[in-house]
Amino acid sequence: MMKEVLENGPIVVSFEPDYLFMHYRSGIYHSVGNTWLTRGERKPVWTKVDHSVVLVGWGIDEESQTKYWILQNSWGANWGDNGFFKMIRGIDHLGIESICESGIPYAVSIN
């Protein structure tokens, strides 16, 4: 995912937000809801997702050393951090690293 964003620009990723997600304002989002991670279970073979966002970058919080994704939501600039949010990276949180899409456009001339 990082290589694709670095080489070709933003990609679409999907995840299953919990009810607290709509209230996000700042920081690194990490759900405390009932997930396979919080229950201590193995990652499921199939991950349900129902929301897509644009992955535009990544970083590491200097203080906590927590890795995160930088994402743009579709809910406008009044939501989150001016329409963007950070989500914990590297643990497939809420399925964010399970389903992503990218493509390289090309033009075809039809005469």
PDB file of N, CA and C in Angstrom:
ATOM      1  N   MET A   1       0.823  -1.187   0.000  1.00  0.00           N
ATOM      2  CA  MET A   1       0.000   0.000   0.000  1.00  0.00           C
ATOM      3  C   MET A   1       0.870   1.255   0.000  1.00  0.00           C
ATOM      4  N   MET A   2       1.899   1.233   0.821  1.00  0.00           N
ATOM      5  CA  MET A   2       2.785   2.391   0.894  1.00  0.00           C
ATOM      6  C   MET A   2       3.514   2.607  -0.436  1.00  0.00           C
ATOM      7  N   LYS A   3       3.979   1.529  -1.019  1.00  0.00           N
ATOM      8  CA  LYS A   3       4.688   1.623  -2.289  1.00  0.00           C
ATOM      9  C   LYS A   3       3.772   2.182  -3.380  1.00  0.00           C
ATOM     10  N   GLU A   4       2.534   1.716  -3.412  1.00  0.00           N
ATOM     11  CA  GLU A   4       1.580   2.190  -4.416  1.00  0.00           C
ATOM     12  C   GLU A   4       1.315   3.684  -4.260  1.00  0.00           C
ATOM     13  N   VAL A   5       1.076   4.142  -3.035  1.00  0.00           N
ATOM     14  CA  VAL A   5       0.829   5.566  -2.793  1.00  0.00           C
ATOM     15  C   VAL A   5       2.061   6.389  -3.150  1.00  0.00           C
ATOM     16  N   LEU A   6       3.223   5.914  -2.767  1.00  0.00           N
ATOM     17  CA  LEU A   6       4.466   6.630  -3.055  1.00  0.00           C
ATOM     18  C   LEU A   6       4.713   6.748  -4.548  1.00  0.00           C
ATOM     19  N   GLU A   7       4.495   5.663  -5.284  1.00  0.00           N
ATOM     20  CA  GLU A   7       4.815   5.648  -6.709  1.00  0.00           C
ATOM     21  C   GLU A   7       3.711   6.196  -7.606  1.00  0.00           C
ATOM     22  N   ASN A   8       2.437   6.033  -7.198  1.00  0.00           N
ATOM     23  CA  ASN A   8       1.328   6.372  -8.104  1.00  0.00           C
ATOM     24  C   ASN A   8       0.264   7.278  -7.513  1.00  0.00           C
ATOM     25  N   GLY A   9       0.403   7.661  -6.266  1.00  0.00           N
ATOM     26  CA  GLY A   9      -0.573   8.559  -5.667  1.00  0.00           C
ATOM     27  C   GLY A   9      -1.619   7.828  -4.845  1.00  0.00           C
ATOM     28  N   PRO A  10      -2.610   8.566  -4.353  1.00  0.00           N
ATOM     29  CA  PRO A  10      -3.616   8.029  -3.426  1.00  0.00           C
ATOM     30  C   PRO A  10      -4.352   6.800  -3.948  1.00  0.00           C
ATOM     31  N   ILE A  11      -4.777   5.944  -3.008  1.00  0.00           N
ATOM     32  CA  ILE A  11      -5.552   4.752  -3.338  1.00  0.00           C
ATOM     33  C   ILE A  11      -6.799   4.715  -2.465  1.00  0.00           C
ATOM     34  N   VAL A  12      -7.762   3.920  -2.881  1.00  0.00           N
ATOM     35  CA  VAL A  12      -8.999   3.744  -2.125  1.00  0.00           C
ATOM     36  C   VAL A  12      -8.836   2.557  -1.183  1.00  0.00           C
ATOM     37  N   VAL A  13      -9.212   2.755   0.084  1.00  0.00           N
ATOM     38  CA  VAL A  13      -9.212   1.673   1.068  1.00  0.00           C
ATOM     39  C   VAL A  13     -10.592   1.615   1.718  1.00  0.00           C
ATOM     40  N   SER A  14     -10.960   0.451   2.202  1.00  0.00           N
ATOM     41  CA  SER A  14     -12.258   0.265   2.839  1.00  0.00           C
ATOM     42  C   SER A  14     -12.075  -0.309   4.223  1.00  0.00           C
ATOM     43  N   PHE A  15     -13.045  -0.032   5.094  1.00  0.00           N
ATOM     44  CA  PHE A  15     -13.000  -0.550   6.460  1.00  0.00           C
ATOM     45  C   PHE A  15     -14.404  -0.568   7.035  1.00  0.00           C
ATOM     46  N   GLU A  16     -14.544  -1.131   8.208  1.00  0.00           N
ATOM     47  CA  GLU A  16     -15.824  -1.227   8.904  1.00  0.00           C
ATOM     48  C   GLU A  16     -15.789  -0.291  10.105  1.00  0.00           C
ATOM     49  N   PRO A  17     -16.253   0.966   9.936  1.00  0.00           N
ATOM     50  CA  PRO A  17     -16.185   1.898  11.057  1.00  0.00           C
ATOM     51  C   PRO A  17     -17.150   1.507  12.174  1.00  0.00           C
ATOM     52  N   ASP A  18     -16.773   1.827  13.393  1.00  0.00           N
ATOM     53  CA  ASP A  18     -17.680   1.605  14.511  1.00  0.00           C
ATOM     54  C   ASP A  18     -18.441   2.903  14.787  1.00  0.00           C
ATOM     55  N   TYR A  19     -19.336   2.879  15.754  1.00  0.00           N
ATOM     56  CA  TYR A  19     -20.195   4.027  16.012  1.00  0.00           C
ATOM     57  C   TYR A  19     -19.433   5.256  16.504  1.00  0.00           C
ATOM     58  N   LEU A  20     -18.236   5.083  17.062  1.00  0.00           N
ATOM     59  CA  LEU A  20     -17.460   6.220  17.553  1.00  0.00           C
ATOM     60  C   LEU A  20     -16.765   6.987  16.430  1.00  0.00           C
ATOM     61  N   PHE A  21     -16.614   6.353  15.270  1.00  0.00           N
ATOM     62  CA  PHE A  21     -15.874   6.964  14.172  1.00  0.00           C
ATOM     63  C   PHE A  21     -16.465   8.308  13.750  1.00  0.00           C
ATOM     64  N   MET A  22     -17.776   8.433  13.741  1.00  0.00           N
ATOM     65  CA  MET A  22     -18.400   9.683  13.294  1.00  0.00           C
ATOM     66  C   MET A  22     -18.042  10.863  14.195  1.00  0.00           C
ATOM     67  N   HIS A  23     -17.559  10.588  15.401  1.00  0.00           N
ATOM     68  CA  HIS A  23     -17.216  11.646  16.346  1.00  0.00           C
ATOM     69  C   HIS A  23     -15.721  12.002  16.348  1.00  0.00           C
ATOM     70  N   TYR A  24     -14.959  11.394  15.450  1.00  0.00           N
ATOM     71  CA  TYR A  24     -13.519  11.655  15.380  1.00  0.00           C
ATOM     72  C   TYR A  24     -13.245  13.138  15.152  1.00  0.00           C
ATOM     73  N   ARG A  25     -12.243  13.672  15.851  1.00  0.00           N
ATOM     74  CA  ARG A  25     -11.810  15.057  15.662  1.00  0.00           C
ATOM     75  C   ARG A  25     -10.312  15.167  15.415  1.00  0.00           C
ATOM     76  N   SER A  26      -9.506  14.365  16.139  1.00  0.00           N
ATOM     77  CA  SER A  26      -8.058  14.466  15.980  1.00  0.00           C
ATOM     78  C   SER A  26      -7.398  13.239  16.595  1.00  0.00           C
ATOM     79  N   GLY A  27      -6.088  13.141  16.403  1.00  0.00           N
ATOM     80  CA  GLY A  27      -5.330  12.024  16.953  1.00  0.00           C
ATOM     81  C   GLY A  27      -5.339  10.819  16.037  1.00  0.00           C
ATOM     82  N   ILE A  28      -4.854   9.708  16.543  1.00  0.00           N
ATOM     83  CA  ILE A  28      -4.806   8.452  15.777  1.00  0.00           C
ATOM     84  C   ILE A  28      -6.009   7.616  16.181  1.00  0.00           C
ATOM     85  N   TYR A  29      -6.895   7.357  15.213  1.00  0.00           N
ATOM     86  CA  TYR A  29      -8.113   6.611  15.522  1.00  0.00           C
ATOM     87  C   TYR A  29      -7.783   5.144  15.763  1.00  0.00           C
ATOM     88  N   HIS A  30      -8.286   4.648  16.863  1.00  0.00           N
ATOM     89  CA  HIS A  30      -8.122   3.241  17.235  1.00  0.00           C
ATOM     90  C   HIS A  30      -9.361   2.855  18.020  1.00  0.00           C
ATOM     91  N   SER A  31     -10.233   2.086  17.398  1.00  0.00           N
ATOM     92  CA  SER A  31     -11.498   1.714  18.017  1.00  0.00           C
ATOM     93  C   SER A  31     -11.287   0.884  19.274  1.00  0.00           C
ATOM     94  N   VAL A  32     -12.113   1.117  20.247  1.00  0.00           N
ATOM     95  CA  VAL A  32     -12.110   0.284  21.454  1.00  0.00           C
ATOM     96  C   VAL A  32     -13.329  -0.634  21.447  1.00  0.00           C
ATOM     97  N   GLY A  33     -14.025  -0.674  20.306  1.00  0.00           N
ATOM     98  CA  GLY A  33     -15.229  -1.484  20.183  1.00  0.00           C
ATOM     99  C   GLY A  33     -14.939  -2.978  20.112  1.00  0.00           C
ATOM    100  N   ASN A  34     -15.968  -3.735  19.886  1.00  0.00           N
ATOM    101  CA  ASN A  34     -15.918  -5.192  19.857  1.00  0.00           C
ATOM    102  C   ASN A  34     -15.442  -5.679  18.488  1.00  0.00           C
ATOM    103  N   THR A  35     -14.151  -5.969  18.354  1.00  0.00           N
ATOM    104  CA  THR A  35     -13.582  -6.456  17.103  1.00  0.00           C
ATOM    105  C   THR A  35     -12.787  -7.723  17.382  1.00  0.00           C
ATOM    106  N   TRP A  36     -12.364  -8.403  16.334  1.00  0.00           N
ATOM    107  CA  TRP A  36     -11.555  -9.611  16.503  1.00  0.00           C
ATOM    108  C   TRP A  36     -10.266  -9.292  17.255  1.00  0.00           C
ATOM    109  N   LEU A  37      -9.742  -8.073  17.055  1.00  0.00           N
ATOM    110  CA  LEU A  37      -8.525  -7.686  17.766  1.00  0.00           C
ATOM    111  C   LEU A  37      -8.783  -7.519  19.263  1.00  0.00           C
ATOM    112  N   THR A  38      -9.868  -6.804  19.608  1.00  0.00           N
ATOM    113  CA  THR A  38     -10.142  -6.560  21.027  1.00  0.00           C
ATOM    114  C   THR A  38     -10.579  -7.833  21.749  1.00  0.00           C
ATOM    115  N   ARG A  39     -11.115  -8.795  20.996  1.00  0.00           N
ATOM    116  CA  ARG A  39     -11.511 -10.075  21.606  1.00  0.00           C
ATOM    117  C   ARG A  39     -10.354 -11.064  21.679  1.00  0.00           C
ATOM    118  N   GLY A  40      -9.197 -10.702  21.112  1.00  0.00           N
ATOM    119  CA  GLY A  40      -8.032 -11.574  21.144  1.00  0.00           C
ATOM    120  C   GLY A  40      -8.137 -12.763  20.201  1.00  0.00           C
ATOM    121  N   GLU A  41      -8.946 -12.622  19.147  1.00  0.00           N
ATOM    122  CA  GLU A  41      -9.139 -13.707  18.185  1.00  0.00           C
ATOM    123  C   GLU A  41      -8.173 -13.573  17.017  1.00  0.00           C
ATOM    124  N   ARG A  42      -8.073 -14.640  16.248  1.00  0.00           N
ATOM    125  CA  ARG A  42      -7.280 -14.602  15.019  1.00  0.00           C
ATOM    126  C   ARG A  42      -8.012 -13.775  13.973  1.00  0.00           C
ATOM    127  N   LYS A  43      -7.253 -13.202  13.062  1.00  0.00           N
ATOM    128  CA  LYS A  43      -7.841 -12.420  11.989  1.00  0.00           C
ATOM    129  C   LYS A  43      -8.743 -13.314  11.144  1.00  0.00           C
ATOM    130  N   PRO A  44      -9.981 -12.887  10.863  1.00  0.00           N
ATOM    131  CA  PRO A  44     -10.869 -13.705  10.038  1.00  0.00           C
ATOM    132  C   PRO A  44     -10.401 -13.753   8.587  1.00  0.00           C
ATOM    133  N   VAL A  45     -10.819 -14.783   7.889  1.00  0.00           N
ATOM    134  CA  VAL A  45     -10.476 -14.930   6.474  1.00  0.00           C
ATOM    135  C   VAL A  45     -11.167 -13.847   5.652  1.00  0.00           C
ATOM    136  N   TRP A  46     -12.387 -13.514   6.022  1.00  0.00           N
ATOM    137  CA  TRP A  46     -13.176 -12.510   5.313  1.00  0.00           C
ATOM    138  C   TRP A  46     -13.458 -11.353   6.266  1.00  0.00           C
ATOM    139  N   THR A  47     -13.228 -10.135   5.815  1.00  0.00           N
ATOM    140  CA  THR A  47     -13.448  -8.961   6.638  1.00  0.00           C
ATOM    141  C   THR A  47     -14.579  -8.123   6.054  1.00  0.00           C
ATOM    142  N   LYS A  48     -15.614  -7.871   6.856  1.00  0.00           N
ATOM    143  CA  LYS A  48     -16.726  -7.031   6.422  1.00  0.00           C
ATOM    144  C   LYS A  48     -16.268  -5.579   6.412  1.00  0.00           C
ATOM    145  N   VAL A  49     -16.567  -4.865   5.348  1.00  0.00           N
ATOM    146  CA  VAL A  49     -16.288  -3.436   5.260  1.00  0.00           C
ATOM    147  C   VAL A  49     -17.501  -2.752   4.643  1.00  0.00           C
ATOM    148  N   ASP A  50     -17.750  -1.496   5.038  1.00  0.00           N
ATOM    149  CA  ASP A  50     -18.862  -0.772   4.419  1.00  0.00           C
ATOM    150  C   ASP A  50     -18.612   0.723   4.265  1.00  0.00           C
ATOM    151  N   HIS A  51     -17.356   1.133   4.361  1.00  0.00           N
ATOM    152  CA  HIS A  51     -17.037   2.545   4.155  1.00  0.00           C
ATOM    153  C   HIS A  51     -15.688   2.635   3.452  1.00  0.00           C
ATOM    154  N   SER A  52     -15.605   3.491   2.446  1.00  0.00           N
ATOM    155  CA  SER A  52     -14.355   3.668   1.711  1.00  0.00           C
ATOM    156  C   SER A  52     -13.855   5.097   1.868  1.00  0.00           C
ATOM    157  N   VAL A  53     -12.540   5.222   1.910  1.00  0.00           N
ATOM    158  CA  VAL A  53     -11.870   6.510   2.057  1.00  0.00           C
ATOM    159  C   VAL A  53     -10.633   6.504   1.165  1.00  0.00           C
ATOM    160  N   VAL A  54      -9.945   7.626   1.101  1.00  0.00           N
ATOM    161  CA  VAL A  54      -8.752   7.736   0.260  1.00  0.00           C
ATOM    162  C   VAL A  54      -7.510   7.768   1.147  1.00  0.00           C
ATOM    163  N   LEU A  55      -6.607   6.832   0.910  1.00  0.00           N
ATOM    164  CA  LEU A  55      -5.334   6.770   1.620  1.00  0.00           C
ATOM    165  C   LEU A  55      -4.350   7.699   0.912  1.00  0.00           C
ATOM    166  N   VAL A  56      -3.878   8.720   1.642  1.00  0.00           N
ATOM    167  CA  VAL A  56      -2.995   9.708   1.026  1.00  0.00           C
ATOM    168  C   VAL A  56      -1.582   9.710   1.591  1.00  0.00           C
ATOM    169  N   GLY A  57      -1.367   9.041   2.732  1.00  0.00           N
ATOM    170  CA  GLY A  57      -0.026   9.032   3.309  1.00  0.00           C
ATOM    171  C   GLY A  57       0.039   8.229   4.590  1.00  0.00           C
ATOM    172  N   TRP A  58       1.152   8.356   5.292  1.00  0.00           N
ATOM    173  CA  TRP A  58       1.369   7.618   6.525  1.00  0.00           C
ATOM    174  C   TRP A  58       2.411   8.339   7.353  1.00  0.00           C
ATOM    175  N   GLY A  59       2.525   7.932   8.608  1.00  0.00           N
ATOM    176  CA  GLY A  59       3.506   8.534   9.492  1.00  0.00           C
ATOM    177  C   GLY A  59       3.664   7.736  10.766  1.00  0.00           C
ATOM    178  N   ILE A  60       4.483   8.267  11.657  1.00  0.00           N
ATOM    179  CA  ILE A  60       4.697   7.678  12.986  1.00  0.00           C
ATOM    180  C   ILE A  60       4.624   8.818  13.995  1.00  0.00           C
ATOM    181  N   ASP A  61       3.783   8.657  15.005  1.00  0.00           N
ATOM    182  CA  ASP A  61       3.681   9.641  16.065  1.00  0.00           C
ATOM    183  C   ASP A  61       4.995   9.670  16.842  1.00  0.00           C
ATOM    184  N   GLU A  62       5.615  10.823  16.917  1.00  0.00           N
ATOM    185  CA  GLU A  62       6.927  10.932  17.564  1.00  0.00           C
ATOM    186  C   GLU A  62       6.894  10.585  19.046  1.00  0.00           C
ATOM    187  N   GLU A  63       5.837  10.972  19.725  1.00  0.00           N
ATOM    188  CA  GLU A  63       5.760  10.740  21.164  1.00  0.00           C
ATOM    189  C   GLU A  63       5.485   9.280  21.515  1.00  0.00           C
ATOM    190  N   SER A  64       4.474   8.692  20.882  1.00  0.00           N
ATOM    191  CA  SER A  64       4.068   7.321  21.231  1.00  0.00           C
ATOM    192  C   SER A  64       4.705   6.258  20.340  1.00  0.00           C
ATOM    193  N   GLN A  65       5.325   6.673  19.236  1.00  0.00           N
ATOM    194  CA  GLN A  65       5.898   5.760  18.242  1.00  0.00           C
ATOM    195  C   GLN A  65       4.820   4.892  17.576  1.00  0.00           C
ATOM    196  N   THR A  66       3.573   5.361  17.580  1.00  0.00           N
ATOM    197  CA  THR A  66       2.470   4.647  16.941  1.00  0.00           C
ATOM    198  C   THR A  66       2.458   4.949  15.455  1.00  0.00           C
ATOM    199  N   LYS A  67       2.436   3.903  14.646  1.00  0.00           N
ATOM    200  CA  LYS A  67       2.361   4.055  13.197  1.00  0.00           C
ATOM    201  C   LYS A  67       0.910   4.330  12.804  1.00  0.00           C
ATOM    202  N   TYR A  68       0.713   5.187  11.791  1.00  0.00           N
ATOM    203  CA  TYR A  68      -0.649   5.514  11.362  1.00  0.00           C
ATOM    204  C   TYR A  68      -0.720   5.774   9.865  1.00  0.00           C
ATOM    205  N   TRP A  69      -1.945   5.640   9.339  1.00  0.00           N
ATOM    206  CA  TRP A  69      -2.279   6.015   7.975  1.00  0.00           C
ATOM    207  C   TRP A  69      -2.875   7.421   8.018  1.00  0.00           C
ATOM    208  N   ILE A  70      -2.704   8.195   6.952  1.00  0.00           N
ATOM    209  CA  ILE A  70      -3.378   9.479   6.780  1.00  0.00           C
ATOM    210  C   ILE A  70      -4.418   9.270   5.684  1.00  0.00           C
ATOM    211  N   LEU A  71      -5.683   9.546   6.035  1.00  0.00           N
ATOM    212  CA  LEU A  71      -6.789   9.254   5.124  1.00  0.00           C
ATOM    213  C   LEU A  71      -7.715  10.448   4.973  1.00  0.00           C
ATOM    214  N   GLN A  72      -8.347  10.537   3.810  1.00  0.00           N
ATOM    215  CA  GLN A  72      -9.343  11.576   3.576  1.00  0.00           C
ATOM    216  C   GLN A  72     -10.709  10.923   3.513  1.00  0.00           C
ATOM    217  N   ASN A  73     -11.620  11.437   4.323  1.00  0.00           N
ATOM    218  CA  ASN A  73     -12.984  10.930   4.336  1.00  0.00           C
ATOM    219  C   ASN A  73     -13.828  11.728   3.342  1.00  0.00           C
ATOM    220  N   SER A  74     -15.016  11.244   3.049  1.00  0.00           N
ATOM    221  CA  SER A  74     -15.901  11.903   2.087  1.00  0.00           C
ATOM    222  C   SER A  74     -16.946  12.774   2.764  1.00  0.00           C
ATOM    223  N   TRP A  75     -16.812  13.028   4.069  1.00  0.00           N
ATOM    224  CA  TRP A  75     -17.850  13.739   4.816  1.00  0.00           C
ATOM    225  C   TRP A  75     -17.616  15.241   4.902  1.00  0.00           C
ATOM    226  N   GLY A  76     -16.664  15.767   4.167  1.00  0.00           N
ATOM    227  CA  GLY A  76     -16.445  17.198   4.104  1.00  0.00           C
ATOM    228  C   GLY A  76     -15.463  17.717   5.139  1.00  0.00           C
ATOM    229  N   ALA A  77     -15.104  18.991   4.971  1.00  0.00           N
ATOM    230  CA  ALA A  77     -14.073  19.615   5.799  1.00  0.00           C
ATOM    231  C   ALA A  77     -14.509  19.872   7.241  1.00  0.00           C
ATOM    232  N   ASN A  78     -15.792  19.814   7.523  1.00  0.00           N
ATOM    233  CA  ASN A  78     -16.258  20.030   8.902  1.00  0.00           C
ATOM    234  C   ASN A  78     -16.145  18.786   9.770  1.00  0.00           C
ATOM    235  N   TRP A  79     -15.838  17.657   9.176  1.00  0.00           N
ATOM    236  CA  TRP A  79     -15.667  16.412   9.931  1.00  0.00           C
ATOM    237  C   TRP A  79     -14.185  16.179  10.188  1.00  0.00           C
ATOM    238  N   GLY A  80     -13.861  15.552  11.299  1.00  0.00           N
ATOM    239  CA  GLY A  80     -12.484  15.153  11.593  1.00  0.00           C
ATOM    240  C   GLY A  80     -11.520  16.316  11.630  1.00  0.00           C
ATOM    241  N   ASP A  81     -10.348  16.101  11.104  1.00  0.00           N
ATOM    242  CA  ASP A  81      -9.297  17.116  11.039  1.00  0.00           C
ATOM    243  C   ASP A  81      -9.329  17.724   9.644  1.00  0.00           C
ATOM    244  N   ASN A  82     -10.287  18.625   9.417  1.00  0.00           N
ATOM    245  CA  ASN A  82     -10.484  19.264   8.119  1.00  0.00           C
ATOM    246  C   ASN A  82     -10.762  18.238   7.016  1.00  0.00           C
ATOM    247  N   GLY A  83     -11.550  17.199   7.356  1.00  0.00           N
ATOM    248  CA  GLY A  83     -11.916  16.165   6.389  1.00  0.00           C
ATOM    249  C   GLY A  83     -10.973  14.976   6.359  1.00  0.00           C
ATOM    250  N   PHE A  84      -9.878  15.040   7.089  1.00  0.00           N
ATOM    251  CA  PHE A  84      -8.883  13.970   7.134  1.00  0.00           C
ATOM    252  C   PHE A  84      -8.894  13.297   8.497  1.00  0.00           C
ATOM    253  N   PHE A  85      -8.275  12.124   8.566  1.00  0.00           N
ATOM    254  CA  PHE A  85      -8.091  11.455   9.850  1.00  0.00           C
ATOM    255  C   PHE A  85      -6.880  10.539   9.779  1.00  0.00           C
ATOM    256  N   LYS A  86      -6.407  10.168  10.951  1.00  0.00           N
ATOM    257  CA  LYS A  86      -5.310   9.212  11.068  1.00  0.00           C
ATOM    258  C   LYS A  86      -5.879   7.947  11.679  1.00  0.00           C
ATOM    259  N   MET A  87      -5.440   6.792  11.167  1.00  0.00           N
ATOM    260  CA  MET A  87      -5.852   5.514  11.736  1.00  0.00           C
ATOM    261  C   MET A  87      -4.614   4.667  11.985  1.00  0.00           C
ATOM    262  N   ILE A  88      -4.633   3.958  13.088  1.00  0.00           N
ATOM    263  CA  ILE A  88      -3.505   3.102  13.452  1.00  0.00           C
ATOM    264  C   ILE A  88      -3.147   2.193  12.275  1.00  0.00           C
ATOM    265  N   ARG A  89      -1.847   2.032  12.044  1.00  0.00           N
ATOM    266  CA  ARG A  89      -1.338   1.287  10.877  1.00  0.00           C
ATOM    267  C   ARG A  89      -0.617   0.019  11.316  1.00  0.00           C
ATOM    268  N   GLY A  90      -0.756  -1.022  10.508  1.00  0.00           N
ATOM    269  CA  GLY A  90       0.035  -2.231  10.689  1.00  0.00           C
ATOM    270  C   GLY A  90      -0.658  -3.389  11.381  1.00  0.00           C
ATOM    271  N   ILE A  91      -1.923  -3.200  11.789  1.00  0.00           N
ATOM    272  CA  ILE A  91      -2.645  -4.293  12.464  1.00  0.00           C
ATOM    273  C   ILE A  91      -3.969  -4.607  11.775  1.00  0.00           C
ATOM    274  N   ASP A  92      -4.177  -4.068  10.583  1.00  0.00           N
ATOM    275  CA  ASP A  92      -5.425  -4.261   9.828  1.00  0.00           C
ATOM    276  C   ASP A  92      -6.633  -3.850  10.671  1.00  0.00           C
ATOM    277  N   HIS A  93      -6.509  -2.726  11.336  1.00  0.00           N
ATOM    278  CA  HIS A  93      -7.573  -2.247  12.216  1.00  0.00           C
ATOM    279  C   HIS A  93      -8.856  -1.971  11.436  1.00  0.00           C
ATOM    280  N   LEU A  94      -9.947  -2.595  11.855  1.00  0.00           N
ATOM    281  CA  LEU A  94     -11.265  -2.484  11.229  1.00  0.00           C
ATOM    282  C   LEU A  94     -11.231  -2.871   9.750  1.00  0.00           C
ATOM    283  N   GLY A  95     -10.235  -3.648   9.361  1.00  0.00           N
ATOM    284  CA  GLY A  95     -10.115  -4.130   7.982  1.00  0.00           C
ATOM    285  C   GLY A  95      -9.454  -3.150   7.033  1.00  0.00           C
ATOM    286  N   ILE A  96      -8.874  -2.072   7.540  1.00  0.00           N
ATOM    287  CA  ILE A  96      -8.329  -1.002   6.701  1.00  0.00           C
ATOM    288  C   ILE A  96      -7.226  -1.480   5.760  1.00  0.00           C
ATOM    289  N   GLU A  97      -6.512  -2.548   6.124  1.00  0.00           N
ATOM    290  CA  GLU A  97      -5.424  -3.042   5.278  1.00  0.00           C
ATOM    291  C   GLU A  97      -5.814  -4.300   4.502  1.00  0.00           C
ATOM    292  N   SER A  98      -7.084  -4.682   4.576  1.00  0.00           N
ATOM    293  CA  SER A  98      -7.553  -5.883   3.882  1.00  0.00           C
ATOM    294  C   SER A  98      -8.020  -5.613   2.463  1.00  0.00           C
ATOM    295  N   ILE A  99      -8.633  -4.447   2.274  1.00  0.00           N
ATOM    296  CA  ILE A  99      -9.257  -4.183   0.980  1.00  0.00           C
ATOM    297  C   ILE A  99      -8.830  -2.798   0.498  1.00  0.00           C
ATOM    298  N   CYS A 100      -8.034  -2.782  -0.561  1.00  0.00           N
ATOM    299  CA  CYS A 100      -7.638  -1.510  -1.161  1.00  0.00           C
ATOM    300  C   CYS A 100      -7.659  -1.659  -2.678  1.00  0.00           C
ATOM    301  N   GLU A 101      -7.825  -0.548  -3.346  1.00  0.00           N
ATOM    302  CA  GLU A 101      -7.917  -0.539  -4.807  1.00  0.00           C
ATOM    303  C   GLU A 101      -7.040   0.561  -5.368  1.00  0.00           C
ATOM    304  N   SER A 102      -6.369   0.244  -6.450  1.00  0.00           N
ATOM    305  CA  SER A 102      -5.602   1.256  -7.170  1.00  0.00           C
ATOM    306  C   SER A 102      -5.653   0.913  -8.647  1.00  0.00           C
ATOM    307  N   GLY A 103      -5.250   1.847  -9.445  1.00  0.00           N
ATOM    308  CA  GLY A 103      -5.236   1.601 -10.886  1.00  0.00           C
ATOM    309  C   GLY A 103      -4.353   2.606 -11.579  1.00  0.00           C
ATOM    310  N   ILE A 104      -3.873   2.241 -12.716  1.00  0.00           N
ATOM    311  CA  ILE A 104      -3.076   3.131 -13.546  1.00  0.00           C
ATOM    312  C   ILE A 104      -3.914   3.454 -14.777  1.00  0.00           C
ATOM    313  N   PRO A 105      -4.346   4.712 -14.927  1.00  0.00           N
ATOM    314  CA  PRO A 105      -5.177   5.062 -16.079  1.00  0.00           C
ATOM    315  C   PRO A 105      -4.380   5.078 -17.379  1.00  0.00           C
ATOM    316  N   TYR A 106      -5.046   4.769 -18.449  1.00  0.00           N
ATOM    317  CA  TYR A 106      -4.422   4.909 -19.759  1.00  0.00           C
ATOM    318  C   TYR A 106      -5.493   5.358 -20.742  1.00  0.00           C
ATOM    319  N   ALA A 107      -5.070   6.054 -21.756  1.00  0.00           N
ATOM    320  CA  ALA A 107      -5.982   6.602 -22.752  1.00  0.00           C
ATOM    321  C   ALA A 107      -5.933   5.767 -24.019  1.00  0.00           C
ATOM    322  N   VAL A 108      -7.079   5.553 -24.589  1.00  0.00           N
ATOM    323  CA  VAL A 108      -7.189   4.815 -25.844  1.00  0.00           C
ATOM    324  C   VAL A 108      -7.869   5.720 -26.858  1.00  0.00           C
ATOM    325  N   SER A 109      -7.262   5.866 -27.987  1.00  0.00           N
ATOM    326  CA  SER A 109      -7.840   6.677 -29.039  1.00  0.00           C
ATOM    327  C   SER A 109      -8.723   5.798 -29.917  1.00  0.00           C
ATOM    328  N   ILE A 110      -9.973   6.186 -30.053  1.00  0.00           N
ATOM    329  CA  ILE A 110     -10.913   5.433 -30.907  1.00  0.00           C
ATOM    330  C   ILE A 110     -11.280   6.336 -32.079  1.00  0.00           C
ATOM    331  N   ASN A 111     -10.942   5.873 -33.258  1.00  0.00           N
ATOM    332  CA  ASN A 111     -11.238   6.660 -34.469  1.00  0.00           C
ATOM    333  C   ASN A 111     -12.471   6.163 -35.143  1.00  0.00           C
TER     334      ASN A 111
END
